[in-house]
Amino acid sequence: MENRRSKTGSLITIAALVFAAAVCFFGRISVAYGQDSFTVKATFAGSDTVSYESIESVKYLESYNGGTRSLGVGSFLLNAGTFRNADYGSYKRYTYTNCPSCVEIRAGGRVYLVNGKDAAETKSIYERLAPYAQQEA
């Protein structure tokens, strides 16, 4: 009985360590463009779907103040989930840590910061969404 508990405890510990490593070193952000909306997803942090008609403004930012994470993932690879800073208050973030640029999307009274793995991918996201802005800022 004691041996079985020891094995179970070891398996749980190993599974927890594997999961922690996966969160720290793996993951991706994807943006899927539909007919009426786009969806941004991040591994371990969920997704948001935003209708094009609700987009108020789209900006390309060379750098940004990320603030602090309230809920979500903060790892060597990704920062995704709900964040807070002085500029936006509470906002949604889907960013790779190694890319300093991002796209600021204001839609439906919310703020989203999204980027790609590099500046070129981030610029592509901006170019795809900018035409839907009611007022480009």
N, C-alpha and C. Protein backbone atom coordinates (compact mmCIF):
# COMPACT_ATOMS: atom_id res chain seq x y z
N MET A 1 0.82 -1.19 0.00
CA MET A 1 0.00 0.00 0.00
C MET A 1 0.87 1.26 0.00
N GLU A 2 1.87 1.29 0.87
CA GLU A 2 2.78 2.43 0.95
C GLU A 2 3.55 2.60 -0.36
N ASN A 3 3.97 1.50 -0.97
CA ASN A 3 4.70 1.53 -2.24
C ASN A 3 3.83 2.10 -3.35
N ARG A 4 2.54 1.76 -3.35
CA ARG A 4 1.61 2.26 -4.37
C ARG A 4 1.43 3.77 -4.22
N ARG A 5 1.33 4.28 -2.98
CA ARG A 5 1.21 5.72 -2.74
C ARG A 5 2.46 6.44 -3.21
N SER A 6 3.60 5.85 -2.97
CA SER A 6 4.86 6.45 -3.38
C SER A 6 4.94 6.56 -4.90
N LYS A 7 4.53 5.51 -5.60
CA LYS A 7 4.53 5.55 -7.07
C LYS A 7 3.54 6.58 -7.60
N THR A 8 2.36 6.65 -7.00
CA THR A 8 1.35 7.61 -7.42
C THR A 8 1.85 9.04 -7.21
N GLY A 9 2.46 9.27 -6.05
CA GLY A 9 3.02 10.60 -5.77
C GLY A 9 4.11 10.97 -6.75
N SER A 10 4.94 10.01 -7.10
CA SER A 10 6.01 10.27 -8.06
C SER A 10 5.45 10.58 -9.44
N LEU A 11 4.42 9.85 -9.86
CA LEU A 11 3.80 10.11 -11.17
C LEU A 11 3.15 11.50 -11.21
N ILE A 12 2.50 11.88 -10.14
CA ILE A 12 1.88 13.21 -10.08
C ILE A 12 2.95 14.29 -10.14
N THR A 13 4.04 14.09 -9.43
CA THR A 13 5.13 15.06 -9.44
C THR A 13 5.74 15.19 -10.83
N ILE A 14 5.97 14.08 -11.49
CA ILE A 14 6.54 14.10 -12.84
C ILE A 14 5.58 14.79 -13.81
N ALA A 15 4.29 14.49 -13.71
CA ALA A 15 3.31 15.11 -14.60
C ALA A 15 3.28 16.62 -14.37
N ALA A 16 3.34 17.05 -13.12
CA ALA A 16 3.34 18.48 -12.82
C ALA A 16 4.58 19.18 -13.37
N LEU A 17 5.73 18.53 -13.27
CA LEU A 17 6.97 19.11 -13.81
C LEU A 17 6.93 19.20 -15.33
N VAL A 18 6.40 18.18 -15.98
CA VAL A 18 6.28 18.20 -17.45
C VAL A 18 5.34 19.33 -17.87
N PHE A 19 4.22 19.47 -17.17
CA PHE A 19 3.27 20.54 -17.49
C PHE A 19 3.92 21.91 -17.29
N ALA A 20 4.62 22.09 -16.18
CA ALA A 20 5.29 23.37 -15.91
C ALA A 20 6.32 23.70 -17.00
N ALA A 21 7.07 22.70 -17.43
CA ALA A 21 8.05 22.91 -18.50
C ALA A 21 7.36 23.29 -19.80
N ALA A 22 6.24 22.63 -20.09
CA ALA A 22 5.50 22.93 -21.31
C ALA A 22 5.00 24.38 -21.30
N VAL A 23 4.48 24.82 -20.17
CA VAL A 23 3.98 26.19 -20.06
C VAL A 23 5.12 27.19 -20.25
N CYS A 24 6.29 26.89 -19.70
CA CYS A 24 7.43 27.82 -19.76
C CYS A 24 8.08 27.91 -21.14
N PHE A 25 8.13 26.79 -21.86
CA PHE A 25 8.96 26.76 -23.07
C PHE A 25 8.21 26.48 -24.38
N PHE A 26 6.93 26.18 -24.30
CA PHE A 26 6.17 25.86 -25.50
C PHE A 26 4.92 26.72 -25.56
N GLY A 27 4.36 26.82 -26.73
CA GLY A 27 3.13 27.56 -26.91
C GLY A 27 3.18 28.39 -28.18
N ARG A 28 2.01 28.87 -28.56
CA ARG A 28 1.96 29.71 -29.74
C ARG A 28 0.74 30.60 -29.69
N ILE A 29 0.82 31.63 -30.48
CA ILE A 29 -0.30 32.54 -30.66
C ILE A 29 -0.73 32.42 -32.11
N SER A 30 -2.03 32.35 -32.33
CA SER A 30 -2.52 32.29 -33.70
C SER A 30 -3.66 33.30 -33.87
N VAL A 31 -3.74 33.84 -35.07
CA VAL A 31 -4.82 34.74 -35.43
C VAL A 31 -5.51 34.13 -36.64
N ALA A 32 -6.81 33.87 -36.49
CA ALA A 32 -7.61 33.30 -37.58
C ALA A 32 -8.61 34.37 -38.03
N TYR A 33 -8.60 34.64 -39.32
CA TYR A 33 -9.46 35.68 -39.89
C TYR A 33 -10.68 35.03 -40.53
N GLY A 34 -11.86 35.37 -39.99
CA GLY A 34 -13.10 34.87 -40.56
C GLY A 34 -13.76 35.93 -41.41
N GLN A 35 -14.98 35.65 -41.83
CA GLN A 35 -15.70 36.59 -42.69
C GLN A 35 -16.15 37.84 -41.93
N ASP A 36 -16.63 37.66 -40.69
CA ASP A 36 -17.17 38.77 -39.91
C ASP A 36 -16.34 39.12 -38.67
N SER A 37 -15.35 38.27 -38.36
CA SER A 37 -14.58 38.48 -37.13
C SER A 37 -13.23 37.79 -37.25
N PHE A 38 -12.36 38.11 -36.30
CA PHE A 38 -11.10 37.38 -36.20
C PHE A 38 -11.01 36.81 -34.79
N THR A 39 -10.26 35.72 -34.67
CA THR A 39 -10.07 35.07 -33.37
C THR A 39 -8.58 34.97 -33.10
N VAL A 40 -8.19 35.40 -31.92
CA VAL A 40 -6.80 35.28 -31.50
C VAL A 40 -6.77 34.27 -30.35
N LYS A 41 -5.83 33.31 -30.45
CA LYS A 41 -5.71 32.25 -29.45
C LYS A 41 -4.26 32.16 -28.98
N ALA A 42 -4.11 31.79 -27.72
CA ALA A 42 -2.78 31.54 -27.17
C ALA A 42 -2.83 30.24 -26.37
N THR A 43 -1.81 29.43 -26.54
CA THR A 43 -1.70 28.19 -25.80
C THR A 43 -1.78 28.49 -24.30
N PHE A 44 -2.58 27.74 -23.60
CA PHE A 44 -2.75 27.84 -22.14
C PHE A 44 -3.44 29.12 -21.68
N ALA A 45 -3.92 29.98 -22.60
CA ALA A 45 -4.53 31.25 -22.17
C ALA A 45 -5.87 31.53 -22.83
N GLY A 46 -6.41 30.61 -23.58
CA GLY A 46 -7.73 30.82 -24.17
C GLY A 46 -7.71 31.63 -25.45
N SER A 47 -8.87 32.21 -25.76
CA SER A 47 -9.01 32.94 -27.02
C SER A 47 -10.04 34.06 -26.87
N ASP A 48 -10.01 34.96 -27.85
CA ASP A 48 -11.01 36.02 -27.96
C ASP A 48 -11.39 36.14 -29.42
N THR A 49 -12.68 36.33 -29.65
CA THR A 49 -13.18 36.59 -30.99
C THR A 49 -13.71 38.02 -31.03
N VAL A 50 -13.28 38.77 -32.02
CA VAL A 50 -13.63 40.19 -32.13
C VAL A 50 -14.26 40.42 -33.50
N SER A 51 -15.44 41.02 -33.53
CA SER A 51 -16.09 41.30 -34.81
C SER A 51 -15.39 42.50 -35.46
N TYR A 52 -15.27 42.43 -36.77
CA TYR A 52 -14.62 43.53 -37.50
C TYR A 52 -15.37 44.84 -37.31
N GLU A 53 -16.70 44.77 -37.28
CA GLU A 53 -17.47 46.02 -37.17
C GLU A 53 -17.32 46.69 -35.81
N SER A 54 -16.83 45.95 -34.80
CA SER A 54 -16.63 46.56 -33.48
C SER A 54 -15.27 47.23 -33.34
N ILE A 55 -14.39 47.08 -34.33
CA ILE A 55 -13.04 47.66 -34.24
C ILE A 55 -13.12 49.17 -34.37
N GLU A 56 -12.63 49.84 -33.33
CA GLU A 56 -12.63 51.30 -33.30
C GLU A 56 -11.32 51.87 -33.85
N SER A 57 -10.19 51.26 -33.46
CA SER A 57 -8.90 51.72 -33.95
C SER A 57 -7.89 50.58 -33.93
N VAL A 58 -6.88 50.72 -34.79
CA VAL A 58 -5.80 49.75 -34.88
C VAL A 58 -4.50 50.54 -35.01
N LYS A 59 -3.53 50.26 -34.15
CA LYS A 59 -2.24 50.94 -34.18
C LYS A 59 -1.12 49.91 -34.20
N TYR A 60 -0.07 50.22 -34.93
CA TYR A 60 1.15 49.43 -34.88
C TYR A 60 2.08 50.12 -33.91
N LEU A 61 2.52 49.41 -32.86
CA LEU A 61 3.41 49.98 -31.85
C LEU A 61 4.78 49.32 -31.94
N GLU A 62 5.82 50.14 -32.02
CA GLU A 62 7.19 49.61 -32.05
C GLU A 62 7.57 48.98 -30.71
N SER A 63 7.01 49.52 -29.63
CA SER A 63 7.23 48.98 -28.28
C SER A 63 6.01 49.33 -27.44
N TYR A 64 5.88 48.71 -26.29
CA TYR A 64 4.71 48.93 -25.44
C TYR A 64 5.03 48.62 -23.99
N ASN A 65 4.21 49.16 -23.10
CA ASN A 65 4.31 48.89 -21.67
C ASN A 65 3.38 47.72 -21.37
N GLY A 66 3.96 46.57 -21.09
CA GLY A 66 3.15 45.37 -20.88
C GLY A 66 2.37 45.34 -19.59
N GLY A 67 2.83 46.02 -18.57
CA GLY A 67 2.12 46.03 -17.31
C GLY A 67 2.28 44.72 -16.56
N THR A 68 1.30 44.39 -15.75
CA THR A 68 1.34 43.17 -14.94
C THR A 68 0.21 42.23 -15.30
N ARG A 69 0.47 40.96 -15.17
CA ARG A 69 -0.51 39.92 -15.50
C ARG A 69 -1.49 39.76 -14.35
N SER A 70 -2.78 39.79 -14.68
CA SER A 70 -3.83 39.52 -13.69
C SER A 70 -4.25 38.06 -13.76
N LEU A 71 -4.32 37.53 -14.98
CA LEU A 71 -4.77 36.16 -15.20
C LEU A 71 -4.24 35.71 -16.55
N GLY A 72 -3.61 34.56 -16.60
CA GLY A 72 -3.12 34.06 -17.87
C GLY A 72 -1.75 33.44 -17.73
N VAL A 73 -0.97 33.51 -18.81
CA VAL A 73 0.33 32.86 -18.90
C VAL A 73 1.43 33.90 -19.05
N GLY A 74 2.48 33.74 -18.29
CA GLY A 74 3.68 34.53 -18.44
C GLY A 74 4.84 33.56 -18.44
N SER A 75 5.49 33.42 -19.58
CA SER A 75 6.56 32.44 -19.70
C SER A 75 7.73 33.02 -20.49
N PHE A 76 8.73 32.20 -20.73
CA PHE A 76 9.87 32.63 -21.53
C PHE A 76 9.45 32.91 -22.97
N LEU A 77 8.35 32.31 -23.41
CA LEU A 77 7.91 32.42 -24.79
C LEU A 77 6.72 33.36 -24.98
N LEU A 78 5.72 33.27 -24.10
CA LEU A 78 4.46 34.00 -24.27
C LEU A 78 4.08 34.81 -23.05
N ASN A 79 3.34 35.87 -23.30
CA ASN A 79 2.60 36.60 -22.27
C ASN A 79 1.19 36.73 -22.83
N ALA A 80 0.25 36.04 -22.22
CA ALA A 80 -1.11 36.04 -22.76
C ALA A 80 -2.12 35.94 -21.63
N GLY A 81 -3.24 36.64 -21.84
CA GLY A 81 -4.31 36.62 -20.86
C GLY A 81 -4.74 38.04 -20.53
N THR A 82 -5.18 38.25 -19.31
CA THR A 82 -5.63 39.56 -18.86
C THR A 82 -4.48 40.25 -18.13
N PHE A 83 -4.16 41.46 -18.57
CA PHE A 83 -3.08 42.25 -18.00
C PHE A 83 -3.62 43.60 -17.57
N ARG A 84 -2.81 44.36 -16.85
CA ARG A 84 -3.20 45.69 -16.40
C ARG A 84 -1.99 46.60 -16.47
N ASN A 85 -2.20 47.82 -17.00
CA ASN A 85 -1.16 48.84 -16.95
C ASN A 85 -1.80 50.22 -16.86
N ALA A 86 -0.97 51.25 -16.70
CA ALA A 86 -1.48 52.61 -16.53
C ALA A 86 -2.13 53.14 -17.81
N ASP A 87 -1.67 52.69 -18.97
CA ASP A 87 -2.20 53.20 -20.24
C ASP A 87 -3.59 52.67 -20.56
N TYR A 88 -3.85 51.39 -20.30
CA TYR A 88 -5.09 50.75 -20.72
C TYR A 88 -6.00 50.32 -19.58
N GLY A 89 -5.50 50.28 -18.35
CA GLY A 89 -6.26 49.65 -17.28
C GLY A 89 -6.18 48.15 -17.52
N SER A 90 -7.31 47.46 -17.44
CA SER A 90 -7.34 46.03 -17.72
C SER A 90 -7.48 45.81 -19.22
N TYR A 91 -6.66 44.93 -19.77
CA TYR A 91 -6.70 44.67 -21.21
C TYR A 91 -6.29 43.22 -21.49
N LYS A 92 -6.54 42.77 -22.71
CA LYS A 92 -6.18 41.41 -23.13
C LYS A 92 -4.90 41.47 -23.94
N ARG A 93 -4.03 40.52 -23.67
CA ARG A 93 -2.71 40.51 -24.32
C ARG A 93 -2.41 39.13 -24.87
N TYR A 94 -1.94 39.10 -26.11
CA TYR A 94 -1.52 37.88 -26.79
C TYR A 94 -0.19 38.19 -27.47
N THR A 95 0.92 38.07 -26.73
CA THR A 95 2.21 38.49 -27.27
C THR A 95 3.31 37.47 -27.01
N TYR A 96 4.25 37.42 -27.97
CA TYR A 96 5.49 36.68 -27.80
C TYR A 96 6.46 37.59 -27.05
N THR A 97 7.21 37.03 -26.12
CA THR A 97 8.12 37.85 -25.31
C THR A 97 9.29 38.41 -26.10
N ASN A 98 9.72 37.73 -27.17
CA ASN A 98 10.90 38.16 -27.92
C ASN A 98 10.61 39.16 -29.03
N CYS A 99 9.36 39.57 -29.20
CA CYS A 99 9.02 40.56 -30.23
C CYS A 99 8.58 41.84 -29.53
N PRO A 100 9.35 42.92 -29.68
CA PRO A 100 9.03 44.17 -28.96
C PRO A 100 7.84 44.94 -29.54
N SER A 101 7.48 44.69 -30.79
CA SER A 101 6.37 45.42 -31.41
C SER A 101 5.06 44.67 -31.19
N CYS A 102 3.94 45.39 -31.35
CA CYS A 102 2.63 44.75 -31.25
C CYS A 102 1.60 45.59 -31.96
N VAL A 103 0.41 45.03 -32.09
CA VAL A 103 -0.73 45.74 -32.67
C VAL A 103 -1.70 46.02 -31.54
N GLU A 104 -2.06 47.28 -31.37
CA GLU A 104 -3.06 47.68 -30.39
C GLU A 104 -4.40 47.75 -31.11
N ILE A 105 -5.35 46.97 -30.63
CA ILE A 105 -6.69 46.94 -31.23
C ILE A 105 -7.68 47.39 -30.16
N ARG A 106 -8.43 48.43 -30.47
CA ARG A 106 -9.51 48.87 -29.58
C ARG A 106 -10.81 48.47 -30.25
N ALA A 107 -11.58 47.65 -29.55
CA ALA A 107 -12.81 47.12 -30.13
C ALA A 107 -13.83 46.84 -29.03
N GLY A 108 -15.04 47.28 -29.24
CA GLY A 108 -16.10 46.99 -28.29
C GLY A 108 -15.79 47.45 -26.87
N GLY A 109 -15.06 48.56 -26.74
CA GLY A 109 -14.73 49.09 -25.43
C GLY A 109 -13.58 48.37 -24.74
N ARG A 110 -12.94 47.44 -25.41
CA ARG A 110 -11.81 46.70 -24.84
C ARG A 110 -10.55 47.00 -25.64
N VAL A 111 -9.41 46.69 -25.03
CA VAL A 111 -8.11 46.85 -25.68
C VAL A 111 -7.46 45.48 -25.77
N TYR A 112 -6.90 45.19 -26.95
CA TYR A 112 -6.16 43.94 -27.19
C TYR A 112 -4.78 44.30 -27.72
N LEU A 113 -3.75 43.68 -27.19
CA LEU A 113 -2.41 43.79 -27.74
C LEU A 113 -2.04 42.42 -28.29
N VAL A 114 -1.65 42.40 -29.57
CA VAL A 114 -1.36 41.14 -30.26
C VAL A 114 -0.08 41.32 -31.05
N ASN A 115 0.76 40.29 -31.06
CA ASN A 115 1.90 40.33 -31.98
C ASN A 115 2.17 38.95 -32.55
N GLY A 116 3.09 38.92 -33.50
CA GLY A 116 3.55 37.68 -34.09
C GLY A 116 4.91 37.34 -33.52
N LYS A 117 5.53 36.31 -34.06
CA LYS A 117 6.85 35.89 -33.56
C LYS A 117 7.93 36.94 -33.83
N ASP A 118 7.70 37.79 -34.83
CA ASP A 118 8.68 38.81 -35.18
C ASP A 118 7.96 40.04 -35.74
N ALA A 119 8.74 41.07 -36.07
CA ALA A 119 8.15 42.32 -36.56
C ALA A 119 7.39 42.12 -37.87
N ALA A 120 7.87 41.25 -38.74
CA ALA A 120 7.19 41.02 -40.02
C ALA A 120 5.80 40.40 -39.81
N GLU A 121 5.70 39.40 -38.93
CA GLU A 121 4.40 38.79 -38.64
C GLU A 121 3.47 39.79 -37.98
N THR A 122 4.03 40.61 -37.10
CA THR A 122 3.23 41.62 -36.40
C THR A 122 2.72 42.65 -37.39
N LYS A 123 3.55 43.09 -38.31
CA LYS A 123 3.15 44.06 -39.34
C LYS A 123 2.04 43.47 -40.21
N SER A 124 2.12 42.17 -40.49
CA SER A 124 1.10 41.49 -41.29
C SER A 124 -0.26 41.51 -40.57
N ILE A 125 -0.26 41.29 -39.26
CA ILE A 125 -1.50 41.36 -38.48
C ILE A 125 -2.07 42.77 -38.57
N TYR A 126 -1.21 43.77 -38.40
CA TYR A 126 -1.65 45.16 -38.49
C TYR A 126 -2.28 45.46 -39.86
N GLU A 127 -1.59 45.08 -40.92
CA GLU A 127 -2.08 45.37 -42.28
C GLU A 127 -3.40 44.67 -42.57
N ARG A 128 -3.60 43.52 -41.98
CA ARG A 128 -4.85 42.76 -42.19
C ARG A 128 -6.02 43.42 -41.45
N LEU A 129 -5.76 43.98 -40.25
CA LEU A 129 -6.84 44.53 -39.43
C LEU A 129 -7.07 46.03 -39.60
N ALA A 130 -6.06 46.78 -40.00
CA ALA A 130 -6.18 48.24 -40.10
C ALA A 130 -7.35 48.71 -40.98
N PRO A 131 -7.65 48.06 -42.10
CA PRO A 131 -8.76 48.54 -42.92
C PRO A 131 -10.13 48.50 -42.21
N TYR A 132 -10.25 47.71 -41.15
CA TYR A 132 -11.52 47.62 -40.45
C TYR A 132 -11.70 48.71 -39.38
N ALA A 133 -10.66 49.46 -39.10
CA ALA A 133 -10.74 50.49 -38.07
C ALA A 133 -11.70 51.58 -38.48
N GLN A 134 -12.56 51.97 -37.55
CA GLN A 134 -13.50 53.07 -37.81
C GLN A 134 -12.76 54.40 -37.86
N GLN A 135 -11.69 54.47 -37.06
CA GLN A 135 -10.86 55.68 -37.06
C GLN A 135 -9.44 55.24 -36.76
N GLU A 136 -8.57 55.28 -37.72
CA GLU A 136 -7.20 54.87 -37.49
C GLU A 136 -6.52 55.90 -36.62
N ALA A 137 -5.79 55.40 -35.63
CA ALA A 137 -5.12 56.31 -34.72
C ALA A 137 -3.62 56.23 -34.91
